[in-house]
Amino acid sequence: MILNLNVGILGHVDSGKTSLAKCLSDTASTACFDKNPQSQERGITLDLGFSAYQCDLPTHLSEHSKCSQLQFTFIDCPGHAKLIRTVIGGSQIMDMFVLVVDITKGIQTQTAECLVIGGLTCDRMIVALNKTDLLDVDKRGKMIEKMTKKISQILVDTPFKDSPIIPVSAQSNFNITELMNACLQSAYVPPRNPMLPFLFAVDHCFSIRGQGTICTGTVLQGRIKIGDDVEIPSIQQIKKVKSIQMFRQQMNEAQQGDRIGIAITQFDSKLLERGLISAPRFVNYSTAAVIKLNKIKYFKGAIGSKSKFHISIGHSTVMASVLLFQGGAPSDDFDCHRQYEYLPVLDDQCEDSGKSEAIFALLEFQKPTIVVTDFLIVASKLDMDLQSTNCRLAFWGRLNAPSDAFTTADSFASSLNIFKEKTKEGRIQRVVNSQEIVVDQMFKRNSNRQIFVGLKVCLSSGQCGVIDSTFGTTTKVKVRLNDHLTAETIQQWKDEKVDVKVMLKFKKFLFRTETKIFQ
């Protein structure tokens, strides 16, 4: 058996990622090393590329795995700013990653974005300081030492502060063995659950005469065997698996984490460029979803309710409007039965690591979108100026409450208990007796005062009571107090020297069609 580890190779455009992937690999896939004619013409990586290296299982893994072989599947990611959504799509399948840094330029804009993306799914990273061959021979040692120290300082406040930093040259093959050894030392046995429903992230789809349609990708969860039925959710078709290959080796079955190609019978490859294949009737379309929001600290823009973001879910990216709300402890997951408070904007206090409440976001997709519960989403501002050095990645989370395809975003929102805290303030217009007053200026003319009858109010002098009834056709209401007004309060009202305020605080639920007012 083979333990497969998916290793992303990320970094700024032209940092030498593809050349490095070629040095590390002993097996190439049909999609690797910029075989795309457009990639060769432009001289940059335009799509995800896959290659592999296989070796005996390291000693430190033998007691944790029944496998005899370890396989690194290297995912060569584009580095151009325009292709960041492709990198986000590739990140969901990574178990660890190599951050490639051009030693002559240091950390650049997309290097930083790749560091953020890799950190969303991985907790293990290796830094490869590439292009050391371009350094002046006499100054090479000092330059490597200087850049190593600089990157170590950058990583000190990240989860990757202890990551190995290896100077290499893909062009001259310098230190490639040391880089591979670092990969072997960082290798681990990721948690895999073959009992979950099958889910497969497809990154390439093509036809081969005599074999059918081949879909290559990574098993996200579950397992697959020859002869199993699978569904292509985007076209709602169920097909049968004819064969399975892993880097040209025939397989009878594959499980979570494996990089494979599956042949599907009677299926037109033009109908699926990339996306998901799943167990039948497992994946659905959604118009809206709730996530627990985690802000990316490097994003300097505003995150507020009613704002729009690019939402990347797997290999798909769709526009969505955002509505923020908060409630429960920071460690709590979303609970549809809990009441949550509307949040107009994510401010500095909310972003503080010591925040007292969990932050959630309701995402209303611009069009029905294929989603899976617990799937990673990344929200970004991809329409920002590409020349800007600002981080475009805004926040991330995992989908934990998607709607179904037949529920509109509005009706889905109506099932959520999201409220706004409201306050109305009035003045004592007349004292009927020591326990009954008439209050004015609390409501606007023609407002529905009747829905507030029975709600609690408090006077600035300390007494509390309830709105007993509306008063005439004006804006006034009668308030019955729990305790008698003090002589001092009555005198203050008579003298008009002290303004006795009457405060009404209540919750107004945003999406309820029935009673919206609640205390």
Protein backbone atom coordinates (compact mmCIF):
# COMPACT_ATOMS: atom_id res chain seq x y z
CA MET A 1 0.00 0.00 0.00
CA ILE A 2 1.02 3.58 -0.68
CA LEU A 3 0.66 6.54 1.69
CA ASN A 4 0.08 9.60 -0.49
CA LEU A 5 0.97 13.08 0.73
CA ASN A 6 -0.13 16.07 -1.37
CA VAL A 7 2.54 18.78 -1.31
CA GLY A 8 1.74 22.19 -2.75
CA ILE A 9 4.50 24.17 -4.43
CA LEU A 10 3.54 27.82 -4.03
CA GLY A 11 5.18 31.17 -4.61
CA HIS A 12 5.32 34.37 -6.64
CA VAL A 13 5.32 34.18 -10.42
CA ASP A 14 8.74 33.33 -11.93
CA SER A 15 10.24 32.12 -8.65
CA GLY A 16 11.12 28.76 -10.23
CA LYS A 17 8.31 26.56 -8.87
CA THR A 18 7.91 24.41 -11.98
CA SER A 19 11.64 23.81 -12.33
CA LEU A 20 11.79 22.84 -8.67
CA ALA A 21 8.84 20.45 -9.05
CA LYS A 22 10.67 18.79 -11.93
CA CYS A 23 13.81 18.34 -9.79
CA LEU A 24 11.84 16.76 -6.95
CA SER A 25 9.77 14.37 -9.08
CA ASP A 26 10.42 10.99 -10.65
CA THR A 27 6.97 10.57 -12.26
CA ALA A 28 5.08 13.11 -14.36
CA SER A 29 1.33 13.25 -14.94
CA THR A 30 -0.49 14.25 -18.09
CA ALA A 31 -0.78 17.75 -16.59
CA CYS A 32 2.60 18.93 -15.31
CA PHE A 33 5.66 21.02 -16.01
CA ASP A 34 3.74 23.55 -18.14
CA LYS A 35 2.75 21.12 -20.91
CA ASN A 36 -0.12 23.46 -21.77
CA PRO A 37 0.82 25.21 -25.08
CA GLN A 38 -0.28 28.57 -23.64
CA SER A 39 2.02 28.06 -20.65
CA GLN A 40 4.95 27.33 -22.97
CA GLU A 41 4.13 30.35 -25.12
CA ARG A 42 3.86 32.76 -22.17
CA GLY A 43 6.59 31.15 -20.10
CA ILE A 44 4.51 30.93 -16.91
CA THR A 45 2.37 28.31 -15.19
CA LEU A 46 -1.32 28.81 -15.98
CA ASP A 47 -2.86 25.78 -14.32
CA LEU A 48 -2.26 23.23 -11.59
CA GLY A 49 0.44 20.72 -12.50
CA PHE A 50 0.94 17.32 -10.84
CA SER A 51 3.96 15.06 -10.49
CA ALA A 52 5.16 12.51 -7.94
CA TYR A 53 8.10 11.02 -6.08
CA GLN A 54 7.91 7.59 -4.44
CA CYS A 55 10.18 6.07 -1.81
CA ASP A 56 10.19 3.66 1.13
CA LEU A 57 8.14 4.75 4.11
CA PRO A 58 10.37 6.71 6.56
CA THR A 59 11.02 5.05 9.91
CA HIS A 60 9.18 7.70 11.92
CA LEU A 61 5.96 6.90 10.01
CA SER A 62 6.11 3.11 10.12
CA GLU A 63 4.39 2.79 13.48
CA HIS A 64 1.55 5.09 12.35
CA SER A 65 0.80 3.54 8.95
CA LYS A 66 0.38 0.08 7.45
CA CYS A 67 1.75 1.33 4.14
CA SER A 68 5.17 0.30 2.85
CA GLN A 69 5.67 3.16 0.39
CA LEU A 70 5.42 6.93 0.68
CA GLN A 71 4.41 8.99 -2.33
CA PHE A 72 4.70 12.77 -2.53
CA THR A 73 2.26 14.22 -5.05
CA PHE A 74 3.60 17.67 -5.92
CA ILE A 75 1.03 20.32 -6.89
CA ASP A 76 2.72 23.00 -8.97
CA CYS A 77 0.56 26.12 -8.55
CA PRO A 78 0.48 29.25 -10.72
CA GLY A 79 2.05 32.35 -9.23
CA HIS A 80 0.52 35.13 -11.32
CA ALA A 81 -1.82 37.51 -9.48
CA LYS A 82 -4.66 36.84 -11.94
CA LEU A 83 -4.57 33.11 -11.19
CA ILE A 84 -4.91 33.28 -7.40
CA ARG A 85 -8.32 31.55 -7.49
CA THR A 86 -6.62 28.52 -9.08
CA VAL A 87 -4.21 28.41 -6.14
CA ILE A 88 -7.13 28.67 -3.70
CA GLY A 89 -8.80 25.73 -5.46
CA GLY A 90 -5.62 23.69 -5.22
CA SER A 91 -5.12 24.47 -1.53
CA GLN A 92 -8.02 22.26 -0.41
CA ILE A 93 -6.10 19.10 -1.36
CA MET A 94 -2.75 20.00 0.23
CA ASP A 95 -1.35 18.18 3.26
CA MET A 96 1.79 20.36 3.42
CA PHE A 97 3.49 22.86 1.13
CA VAL A 98 6.80 24.22 -0.11
CA LEU A 99 6.93 28.02 -0.30
CA VAL A 100 9.33 28.96 -3.08
CA VAL A 101 11.09 32.30 -2.67
CA ASP A 102 13.32 33.90 -5.28
CA ILE A 103 16.37 34.66 -3.12
CA THR A 104 17.27 37.64 -5.32
CA LYS A 105 13.88 39.31 -4.63
CA GLY A 106 12.69 38.00 -1.26
CA ILE A 107 9.05 37.92 -0.16
CA GLN A 108 6.82 39.44 -2.87
CA THR A 109 3.08 40.13 -2.97
CA GLN A 110 1.96 36.72 -4.24
CA THR A 111 4.53 35.00 -2.00
CA ALA A 112 2.68 36.49 0.98
CA GLU A 113 -0.73 35.52 -0.43
CA CYS A 114 0.47 31.97 -1.01
CA LEU A 115 1.72 31.83 2.57
CA VAL A 116 -1.77 32.82 3.74
CA ILE A 117 -3.52 30.32 1.46
CA GLY A 118 -1.23 27.46 2.46
CA GLY A 119 -1.82 28.26 6.11
CA LEU A 120 -5.58 27.76 5.76
CA THR A 121 -5.24 24.03 5.09
CA CYS A 122 -1.74 23.06 6.21
CA ASP A 123 0.26 23.30 9.41
CA ARG A 124 3.55 22.14 7.85
CA MET A 125 5.68 24.19 5.47
CA ILE A 126 9.17 24.19 4.03
CA VAL A 127 10.73 27.34 2.55
CA ALA A 128 12.88 26.85 -0.54
CA LEU A 129 15.20 29.80 -1.24
CA ASN A 130 15.54 29.24 -4.97
CA LYS A 131 17.90 30.71 -7.59
CA THR A 132 20.99 30.74 -5.39
CA ASP A 133 22.99 30.18 -8.59
CA LEU A 134 22.23 33.79 -9.56
CA LEU A 135 24.08 35.17 -6.52
CA ASP A 136 27.65 36.36 -6.78
CA VAL A 137 29.88 33.48 -5.68
CA ASP A 138 31.88 35.65 -3.24
CA LYS A 139 28.71 36.99 -1.56
CA ARG A 140 26.54 33.88 -1.81
CA GLY A 141 27.04 32.67 1.76
CA LYS A 142 26.28 36.07 3.31
CA MET A 143 23.25 36.62 1.06
CA ILE A 144 21.80 33.21 1.98
CA GLU A 145 22.36 33.90 5.67
CA LYS A 146 20.79 37.36 5.39
CA MET A 147 17.69 36.15 3.53
CA THR A 148 17.27 33.16 5.85
CA LYS A 149 17.28 35.49 8.86
CA LYS A 150 14.85 37.90 7.18
CA ILE A 151 12.34 35.18 6.35
CA SER A 152 12.66 33.71 9.85
CA GLN A 153 11.67 37.11 11.25
CA ILE A 154 8.67 37.27 8.91
CA LEU A 155 7.50 33.82 10.01
CA VAL A 156 7.96 34.40 13.74
CA ASP A 157 4.33 35.50 14.24
CA THR A 158 2.87 32.73 12.06
CA PRO A 159 2.20 29.01 12.68
CA PHE A 160 5.29 28.32 10.54
CA LYS A 161 7.92 29.97 12.74
CA ASP A 162 9.92 26.72 13.05
CA SER A 163 9.74 25.78 9.36
CA PRO A 164 13.02 24.68 7.74
CA ILE A 165 14.50 27.16 5.24
CA ILE A 166 16.57 25.45 2.54
CA PRO A 167 18.68 27.35 -0.01
CA VAL A 168 18.42 25.60 -3.40
CA SER A 169 18.91 26.04 -7.10
CA ALA A 170 16.58 24.16 -9.42
CA GLN A 171 18.71 25.28 -12.34
CA SER A 172 21.96 23.73 -11.06
CA ASN A 173 20.35 21.02 -8.88
CA PHE A 174 22.00 22.52 -5.78
CA ASN A 175 20.69 21.23 -2.41
CA ILE A 176 17.73 19.36 -3.96
CA THR A 177 18.60 16.29 -1.86
CA GLU A 178 18.51 18.44 1.29
CA LEU A 179 15.11 19.81 0.27
CA MET A 180 13.78 16.29 -0.28
CA ASN A 181 15.16 15.23 3.11
CA ALA A 182 13.29 18.14 4.69
CA CYS A 183 10.12 16.91 3.00
CA LEU A 184 10.72 13.40 4.35
CA GLN A 185 11.33 14.70 7.87
CA SER A 186 8.13 16.77 7.71
CA ALA A 187 6.06 13.88 6.35
CA TYR A 188 3.23 12.65 8.55
CA VAL A 189 0.13 10.46 8.40
CA PRO A 190 -2.84 12.80 7.78
CA PRO A 191 -6.25 11.87 9.19
CA ARG A 192 -8.20 9.94 6.57
CA ASN A 193 -11.80 8.74 6.77
CA PRO A 194 -12.64 6.19 4.05
CA MET A 195 -16.13 5.66 5.54
CA LEU A 196 -17.46 9.07 4.50
CA PRO A 197 -19.37 9.49 1.20
CA PHE A 198 -17.04 9.66 -1.79
CA LEU A 199 -15.98 13.16 -2.88
CA PHE A 200 -13.48 13.82 -5.65
CA ALA A 201 -11.98 17.18 -6.68
CA VAL A 202 -11.52 17.10 -10.47
CA ASP A 203 -8.87 19.39 -11.92
CA HIS A 204 -8.57 18.00 -15.48
CA CYS A 205 -10.98 16.13 -17.74
CA PHE A 206 -10.22 14.69 -21.20
CA SER A 207 -11.12 11.82 -23.52
CA ILE A 208 -8.90 8.92 -24.62
CA ARG A 209 -10.08 6.79 -27.51
CA GLY A 210 -10.89 3.28 -26.36
CA GLN A 211 -10.83 4.18 -22.65
CA GLY A 212 -13.59 6.77 -22.29
CA THR A 213 -13.44 10.02 -20.39
CA ILE A 214 -10.63 10.43 -17.85
CA CYS A 215 -11.12 12.67 -14.83
CA THR A 216 -7.97 13.36 -12.84
CA GLY A 217 -8.00 14.79 -9.36
CA THR A 218 -7.71 14.11 -5.63
CA VAL A 219 -10.02 12.10 -3.38
CA LEU A 220 -11.23 14.56 -0.73
CA GLN A 221 -13.03 11.97 1.38
CA GLY A 222 -14.29 8.41 1.29
CA ARG A 223 -13.14 5.74 -1.15
CA ILE A 224 -13.85 4.56 -4.70
CA LYS A 225 -13.68 1.14 -6.40
CA ILE A 226 -13.93 -0.03 -9.99
CA GLY A 227 -17.59 -0.54 -10.84
CA ASP A 228 -18.92 2.04 -8.38
CA ASP A 229 -21.55 4.55 -9.46
CA VAL A 230 -20.58 8.21 -9.15
CA GLU A 231 -22.47 11.44 -9.82
CA ILE A 232 -21.34 14.52 -11.72
CA PRO A 233 -23.41 17.07 -9.75
CA SER A 234 -22.97 19.94 -12.23
CA ILE A 235 -24.92 18.01 -14.89
CA GLN A 236 -26.80 15.70 -12.49
CA GLN A 237 -25.69 12.51 -14.22
CA ILE A 238 -24.75 9.20 -12.59
CA LYS A 239 -22.03 7.17 -14.31
CA LYS A 240 -19.99 4.05 -13.63
CA VAL A 241 -16.25 3.94 -12.89
CA LYS A 242 -14.52 1.83 -15.53
CA SER A 243 -10.94 1.94 -14.25
CA ILE A 244 -8.65 3.73 -11.76
CA GLN A 245 -5.01 4.77 -12.19
CA MET A 246 -2.49 6.42 -9.89
CA PHE A 247 0.41 7.85 -11.93
CA ARG A 248 0.00 5.16 -14.64
CA GLN A 249 -0.39 2.31 -12.12
CA GLN A 250 -3.66 0.42 -12.29
CA MET A 251 -5.56 0.42 -9.01
CA ASN A 252 -8.62 -1.51 -7.86
CA GLU A 253 -9.61 1.20 -5.41
CA ALA A 254 -8.48 4.53 -3.98
CA GLN A 255 -9.23 6.49 -0.82
CA GLN A 256 -9.02 9.96 0.70
CA GLY A 257 -5.79 11.75 -0.15
CA ASP A 258 -4.99 9.71 -3.27
CA ARG A 259 -4.18 11.47 -6.53
CA ILE A 260 -5.87 9.37 -9.24
CA GLY A 261 -7.44 9.33 -12.65
CA ILE A 262 -10.76 7.59 -13.09
CA ALA A 263 -12.24 6.47 -16.41
CA ILE A 264 -15.99 7.07 -16.68
CA THR A 265 -18.19 5.43 -19.28
CA GLN A 266 -20.48 7.30 -21.69
CA PHE A 267 -19.57 10.78 -20.56
CA ASP A 268 -18.60 13.78 -22.70
CA SER A 269 -15.42 15.37 -21.29
CA LYS A 270 -16.54 18.78 -22.59
CA LEU A 271 -19.27 18.83 -19.91
CA LEU A 272 -16.78 19.01 -17.03
CA GLU A 273 -13.58 21.04 -17.05
CA ARG A 274 -13.08 20.95 -13.28
CA GLY A 275 -15.31 20.58 -10.26
CA LEU A 276 -16.63 17.74 -8.14
CA ILE A 277 -17.58 14.10 -8.60
CA SER A 278 -19.30 12.45 -5.68
CA ALA A 279 -21.28 9.55 -4.35
CA PRO A 280 -24.78 9.66 -5.91
CA ARG A 281 -27.08 12.31 -4.39
CA PHE A 282 -24.48 13.48 -1.88
CA VAL A 283 -23.72 16.97 -3.23
CA ASN A 284 -26.35 19.69 -3.66
CA TYR A 285 -26.71 23.20 -5.02
CA SER A 286 -27.16 26.03 -2.56
CA THR A 287 -28.36 29.63 -2.76
CA ALA A 288 -26.99 30.68 0.63
CA ALA A 289 -24.92 29.37 3.51
CA VAL A 290 -23.60 30.26 6.94
CA ILE A 291 -19.93 30.11 7.91
CA LYS A 292 -18.02 30.85 11.08
CA LEU A 293 -15.90 33.79 9.96
CA ASN A 294 -12.15 34.02 10.49
CA LYS A 295 -10.64 37.30 9.31
CA ILE A 296 -7.29 37.18 7.55
CA LYS A 297 -5.23 39.70 9.50
CA TYR A 298 -3.31 40.96 6.46
CA PHE A 299 -6.50 42.20 4.75
CA LYS A 300 -6.79 45.96 5.25
CA GLY A 301 -10.17 46.57 3.60
CA ALA A 302 -13.56 46.80 5.29
CA ILE A 303 -15.67 43.72 5.93
CA GLY A 304 -19.25 44.76 6.50
CA SER A 305 -22.79 43.56 6.07
CA LYS A 306 -24.16 44.10 2.53
CA SER A 307 -20.63 44.08 1.06
CA LYS A 308 -19.77 41.69 -1.78
CA PHE A 309 -16.83 39.28 -2.03
CA HIS A 310 -15.53 36.61 -4.36
CA ILE A 311 -16.24 33.31 -2.61
CA SER A 312 -13.98 30.41 -3.63
CA ILE A 313 -15.39 26.96 -2.86
CA GLY A 314 -13.06 24.29 -4.18
CA HIS A 315 -12.34 25.05 -7.84
CA SER A 316 -15.39 27.33 -8.18
CA THR A 317 -15.56 31.06 -7.46
CA VAL A 318 -18.85 32.95 -7.19
CA MET A 319 -19.84 36.44 -6.03
CA ALA A 320 -21.80 36.63 -2.79
CA SER A 321 -23.17 39.33 -0.52
CA VAL A 322 -22.30 39.09 3.16
CA LEU A 323 -24.38 39.63 6.28
CA LEU A 324 -22.48 39.50 9.58
CA PHE A 325 -23.84 38.42 12.96
CA GLN A 326 -22.43 37.37 16.30
CA GLY A 327 -23.32 35.31 19.36
CA GLY A 328 -22.16 32.48 21.58
CA ALA A 329 -18.65 31.78 22.78
CA PRO A 330 -15.76 32.14 20.29
CA SER A 331 -15.39 28.36 20.19
CA ASP A 332 -19.10 27.72 19.46
CA ASP A 333 -20.32 26.50 16.07
CA PHE A 334 -23.41 27.89 14.42
CA ASP A 335 -26.69 26.79 16.02
CA CYS A 336 -29.89 27.53 14.07
CA HIS A 337 -31.89 27.62 17.32
CA ARG A 338 -29.76 30.35 18.92
CA GLN A 339 -30.46 34.08 18.67
CA TYR A 340 -27.71 36.15 17.06
CA GLU A 341 -27.09 39.88 16.94
CA TYR A 342 -26.68 41.66 13.60
CA LEU A 343 -23.21 43.10 13.06
CA PRO A 344 -22.96 46.07 10.64
CA VAL A 345 -19.18 45.91 10.30
CA LEU A 346 -16.27 43.83 11.54
CA ASP A 347 -14.35 46.35 13.63
CA ASP A 348 -11.07 46.17 15.52
CA GLN A 349 -12.78 44.97 18.68
CA CYS A 350 -14.40 42.05 16.83
CA GLU A 351 -11.07 41.14 15.24
CA ASP A 352 -9.29 41.02 18.59
CA SER A 353 -8.16 37.51 19.47
CA GLY A 354 -9.75 38.06 22.87
CA LYS A 355 -13.21 38.62 21.37
CA SER A 356 -16.06 37.45 23.59
CA GLU A 357 -18.42 36.19 20.87
CA ALA A 358 -18.17 34.07 17.75
CA ILE A 359 -18.55 35.89 14.41
CA PHE A 360 -20.62 34.35 11.60
CA ALA A 361 -21.46 35.36 8.04
CA LEU A 362 -24.53 34.65 5.96
CA LEU A 363 -23.39 34.31 2.34
CA GLU A 364 -26.02 34.92 -0.34
CA PHE A 365 -24.62 33.51 -3.60
CA GLN A 366 -25.19 35.37 -6.85
CA LYS A 367 -26.23 32.07 -8.43
CA PRO A 368 -26.93 28.55 -7.10
CA THR A 369 -23.58 27.00 -6.21
CA ILE A 370 -22.42 23.45 -5.51
CA VAL A 371 -21.45 23.20 -1.85
CA VAL A 372 -20.56 20.54 0.69
CA THR A 373 -20.97 20.94 4.46
CA ASP A 374 -17.63 21.62 6.19
CA PHE A 375 -16.03 22.65 2.87
CA LEU A 376 -13.37 25.35 3.11
CA ILE A 377 -14.34 28.72 1.63
CA VAL A 378 -12.06 31.70 1.05
CA ALA A 379 -13.48 35.20 0.54
CA SER A 380 -11.40 37.67 -1.41
CA LYS A 381 -11.45 40.92 -3.36
CA LEU A 382 -10.15 39.73 -6.72
CA ASP A 383 -11.15 42.99 -8.40
CA MET A 384 -8.47 44.92 -6.51
CA ASP A 385 -5.69 46.55 -8.52
CA LEU A 386 -3.20 43.81 -9.45
CA GLN A 387 -0.36 46.26 -8.97
CA SER A 388 -1.37 46.82 -5.36
CA THR A 389 0.73 45.24 -2.63
CA ASN A 390 -2.34 44.81 -0.40
CA CYS A 391 -3.57 41.33 0.48
CA ARG A 392 -6.73 40.45 -1.44
CA LEU A 393 -7.72 37.55 0.83
CA ALA A 394 -10.30 38.82 3.34
CA PHE A 395 -11.64 35.95 5.44
CA TRP A 396 -12.22 32.21 5.49
CA GLY A 397 -14.41 29.63 7.14
CA ARG A 398 -16.10 26.29 6.70
CA LEU A 399 -19.61 25.89 5.38
CA ASN A 400 -21.77 24.55 8.19
CA ALA A 401 -25.31 25.49 7.21
CA PRO A 402 -25.97 25.52 3.45
CA SER A 403 -29.49 25.97 2.06
CA ASP A 404 -30.89 23.53 -0.47
CA ALA A 405 -31.26 24.31 -4.16
CA PHE A 406 -34.99 25.07 -3.92
CA THR A 407 -34.73 27.55 -1.04
CA THR A 408 -34.21 31.18 -1.97
CA ALA A 409 -31.62 33.18 -0.08
CA ASP A 410 -34.42 35.28 1.47
CA SER A 411 -36.39 32.30 2.72
CA PHE A 412 -33.21 30.69 4.03
CA ALA A 413 -32.38 33.90 5.89
CA SER A 414 -35.87 33.90 7.43
CA SER A 415 -34.97 30.67 9.24
CA LEU A 416 -32.13 32.45 11.07
CA ASN A 417 -32.74 34.24 14.36
CA ILE A 418 -30.77 37.42 13.65
CA PHE A 419 -31.81 40.60 15.44
CA LYS A 420 -30.84 44.23 15.83
CA GLU A 421 -30.75 45.91 19.24
CA LYS A 422 -33.10 48.90 19.10
CA THR A 423 -33.72 51.77 21.52
CA LYS A 424 -36.58 54.26 21.56
CA GLU A 425 -36.65 57.26 23.87
CA GLY A 426 -39.64 59.32 25.03
CA ARG A 427 -40.61 61.93 27.61
CA ILE A 428 -43.28 62.04 30.32
CA GLN A 429 -46.11 64.13 28.84
CA ARG A 430 -48.55 63.73 31.76
CA VAL A 431 -48.66 62.04 35.17
CA VAL A 432 -52.09 60.40 35.52
CA ASN A 433 -51.33 59.11 39.03
CA SER A 434 -48.32 57.80 40.93
CA GLN A 435 -48.31 54.53 38.89
CA GLU A 436 -49.58 55.68 35.50
CA ILE A 437 -48.01 58.10 33.05
CA VAL A 438 -48.55 59.23 29.48
CA VAL A 439 -45.38 59.14 27.34
CA ASP A 440 -44.82 61.18 24.18
CA GLN A 441 -42.05 61.51 21.53
CA MET A 442 -41.20 57.76 21.69
CA PHE A 443 -42.90 56.88 18.40
CA LYS A 444 -43.26 58.56 15.05
CA ARG A 445 -46.67 59.61 13.77
CA ASN A 446 -48.54 56.78 12.01
CA SER A 447 -46.22 54.12 13.47
CA ASN A 448 -47.79 50.86 14.70
CA ARG A 449 -47.64 51.44 18.45
CA GLN A 450 -49.84 48.42 19.18
CA ILE A 451 -47.01 45.90 18.63
CA PHE A 452 -45.11 47.49 21.53
CA VAL A 453 -47.91 47.07 24.08
CA GLY A 454 -46.70 44.87 26.94
CA LEU A 455 -43.02 45.69 26.49
CA LYS A 456 -40.91 46.87 29.42
CA VAL A 457 -39.73 50.49 29.72
CA CYS A 458 -37.49 52.19 32.28
CA LEU A 459 -37.36 55.79 33.47
CA SER A 460 -34.10 57.64 33.87
CA SER A 461 -35.13 58.13 37.52
CA GLY A 462 -35.00 54.37 38.09
CA GLN A 463 -38.64 53.19 37.97
CA CYS A 464 -39.68 50.51 35.46
CA GLY A 465 -43.01 49.48 33.97
CA VAL A 466 -44.75 48.29 30.82
CA ILE A 467 -46.51 49.97 27.93
CA ASP A 468 -50.13 49.45 28.93
CA SER A 469 -51.95 50.82 25.88
CA THR A 470 -51.79 53.32 23.05
CA PHE A 471 -53.25 56.75 23.68
CA GLY A 472 -55.62 58.25 21.15
CA THR A 473 -54.55 58.70 17.51
CA THR A 474 -51.36 60.57 18.40
CA THR A 475 -47.84 59.26 19.07
CA LYS A 476 -48.54 58.79 22.81
CA VAL A 477 -48.71 55.62 24.90
CA LYS A 478 -49.79 54.89 28.49
CA VAL A 479 -47.21 53.30 30.78
CA ARG A 480 -48.14 51.44 33.98
CA LEU A 481 -45.28 51.49 36.50
CA ASN A 482 -44.33 48.62 38.78
CA ASP A 483 -43.62 51.02 41.69
CA HIS A 484 -44.98 54.41 42.68
CA LEU A 485 -43.30 57.51 41.33
CA THR A 486 -41.32 59.28 44.02
CA ALA A 487 -42.23 62.79 45.01
CA GLU A 488 -38.81 63.88 43.80
CA THR A 489 -39.42 62.47 40.30
CA ILE A 490 -42.83 64.13 40.08
CA GLN A 491 -41.34 67.46 41.18
CA GLN A 492 -38.54 67.12 38.58
CA TRP A 493 -41.14 66.60 35.87
CA LYS A 494 -43.22 69.56 37.06
CA ASP A 495 -40.26 71.91 37.31
CA GLU A 496 -38.92 70.79 33.91
CA LYS A 497 -35.44 71.38 35.32
CA VAL A 498 -34.53 67.71 34.91
CA ASP A 499 -35.62 65.84 31.81
CA VAL A 500 -37.15 62.52 32.90
CA LYS A 501 -36.52 60.11 29.99
CA VAL A 502 -38.48 56.94 29.26
CA MET A 503 -36.36 54.26 27.54
CA LEU A 504 -37.64 51.31 25.51
CA LYS A 505 -35.06 48.67 24.51
CA PHE A 506 -36.03 45.72 22.32
CA LYS A 507 -34.83 43.29 19.66
CA LYS A 508 -36.03 43.52 16.09
CA PHE A 509 -35.58 40.33 14.09
CA LEU A 510 -34.48 41.02 10.53
CA PHE A 511 -36.09 38.25 8.53
CA ARG A 512 -39.14 37.13 10.48
CA THR A 513 -42.46 37.43 8.66
CA GLU A 514 -44.45 37.04 11.89
CA THR A 515 -43.82 39.09 15.07
CA LYS A 516 -40.49 40.85 14.73
CA ILE A 517 -40.42 42.68 18.07
CA PHE A 518 -39.04 40.86 21.09
CA GLN A 519 -37.47 41.72 24.46
